Amino acid sequence: MPIYAYKCESCGAAKDVLQKISDPTLSDCPACGKPTFRKQVTAAGFQLKGSGWYATDFRGGASAAASTTAGASESPSSPAPAASCGSDCGCA
C-alpha cells in the first residue's frame, strides 16, 4: 500500500497516511477538525542508480554487459574519414 502525505490548509498539520489506492482521500484534519486536509504531491519512493541498469541487471549479468561494451568500442557505427582524403572530397 502506498503512503500519502497530507497537510491541513488551515492549521498546517501534516501527516503521512498508509492507504489503499481505492480508499477515499481524507478531508477532515485530525488536529483541528476542519475539512481542509489535502493530499500533497511528493517525490517517488525509489531511485534508479548506476549506468546502464538494463544491460547490466536484466540481460544476462556482467557477461552480457562486457560483450555489449566491447562490441561497441571495436566496431564504430560509421567509419571515420581517411586522414588524407584529398581536396575534392565532400567529407571536409
Protein backbone atom coordinates (compact mmCIF):
# COMPACT_ATOMS: atom_id res chain seq x y z
CA MET A 1 0.00 0.00 0.00
CA PRO A 2 1.28 3.47 -0.81
CA ILE A 3 1.97 6.16 1.76
CA TYR A 4 0.29 9.50 1.07
CA ALA A 5 1.32 12.85 2.56
CA TYR A 6 -1.49 15.12 3.77
CA LYS A 7 -1.37 18.70 5.04
CA CYS A 8 -4.08 20.90 6.55
CA GLU A 9 -4.53 24.25 4.80
CA SER A 10 -5.97 25.81 7.98
CA CYS A 11 -3.63 24.83 10.80
CA GLY A 12 -0.64 23.46 8.85
CA ALA A 13 -0.72 20.00 10.48
CA ALA A 14 0.97 17.35 8.33
CA LYS A 15 0.60 13.57 8.42
CA ASP A 16 1.70 10.56 6.34
CA VAL A 17 -1.11 8.03 5.87
CA LEU A 18 -0.87 4.42 4.69
CA GLN A 19 -3.85 3.91 2.35
CA LYS A 20 -5.04 1.67 -0.45
CA ILE A 21 -5.32 3.30 -3.86
CA SER A 22 -9.06 2.61 -3.80
CA ASP A 23 -9.56 4.30 -0.39
CA PRO A 24 -11.23 7.73 -0.46
CA THR A 25 -8.97 10.73 0.21
CA LEU A 26 -9.09 12.19 3.69
CA SER A 27 -10.67 15.61 4.08
CA ASP A 28 -11.05 16.27 7.83
CA CYS A 29 -7.90 17.36 9.67
CA PRO A 30 -7.15 15.17 12.72
CA ALA A 31 -5.67 18.18 14.58
CA CYS A 32 -8.26 20.93 14.08
CA GLY A 33 -11.23 19.01 12.60
CA LYS A 34 -11.73 21.38 9.65
CA PRO A 35 -12.39 19.93 6.16
CA THR A 36 -9.17 21.42 4.73
CA PHE A 37 -6.93 18.31 4.87
CA ARG A 38 -5.40 17.94 1.39
CA LYS A 39 -3.21 15.31 -0.28
CA GLN A 40 0.27 16.61 -1.17
CA VAL A 41 2.38 15.86 -4.25
CA THR A 42 5.58 14.09 -3.20
CA ALA A 43 8.64 12.59 -4.87
CA ALA A 44 8.80 8.96 -5.95
CA GLY A 45 9.89 6.46 -3.32
CA PHE A 46 12.57 4.75 -5.42
CA GLN A 47 15.72 5.65 -7.33
CA LEU A 48 17.45 4.06 -10.29
CA LYS A 49 21.19 4.11 -9.71
CA GLY A 50 24.17 3.21 -11.85
CA SER A 51 24.85 3.45 -15.54
CA GLY A 52 23.16 1.06 -17.92
CA TRP A 53 20.98 -0.64 -15.35
CA TYR A 54 19.02 -2.50 -18.03
CA ALA A 55 22.05 -4.01 -19.74
CA THR A 56 23.83 -4.95 -16.53
CA ASP A 57 20.89 -6.15 -14.45
CA PHE A 58 18.41 -7.80 -16.80
CA ARG A 59 20.20 -9.05 -19.90
CA GLY A 60 22.37 -11.84 -18.52
CA GLY A 61 24.52 -10.08 -15.95
CA ALA A 62 28.13 -8.96 -16.30
CA SER A 63 29.00 -11.19 -19.29
CA ALA A 64 26.31 -9.58 -21.48
CA ALA A 65 27.32 -6.08 -20.36
CA ALA A 66 31.01 -6.78 -21.08
CA SER A 67 30.28 -8.10 -24.57
CA THR A 68 28.00 -5.14 -25.33
CA THR A 69 30.66 -2.65 -24.21
CA ALA A 70 33.48 -4.46 -26.03
CA GLY A 71 31.49 -4.75 -29.26
CA ALA A 72 30.66 -1.05 -29.27
CA SER A 73 34.31 0.00 -28.89
CA GLU A 74 35.67 -2.37 -31.55
CA SER A 75 33.35 -1.55 -34.44
CA PRO A 76 32.05 2.02 -34.70
CA SER A 77 28.71 2.52 -36.46
CA SER A 78 30.12 4.88 -39.11
CA PRO A 79 33.70 4.70 -40.40
CA ALA A 80 35.94 7.69 -39.81
CA PRO A 81 37.16 9.54 -42.93
CA ALA A 82 40.74 8.94 -44.01
CA ALA A 83 43.33 11.48 -42.88
CA SER A 84 44.41 12.39 -46.43
CA CYS A 85 41.21 12.16 -48.46
CA GLY A 86 42.11 15.00 -50.85
CA SER A 87 40.76 18.47 -51.59
CA ASP A 88 37.93 17.35 -53.91
CA CYS A 89 36.35 15.12 -51.23
CA GLY A 90 32.96 16.09 -49.76
CA CYS A 91 33.76 14.97 -46.21
CA ALA A 92 35.79 18.05 -45.26
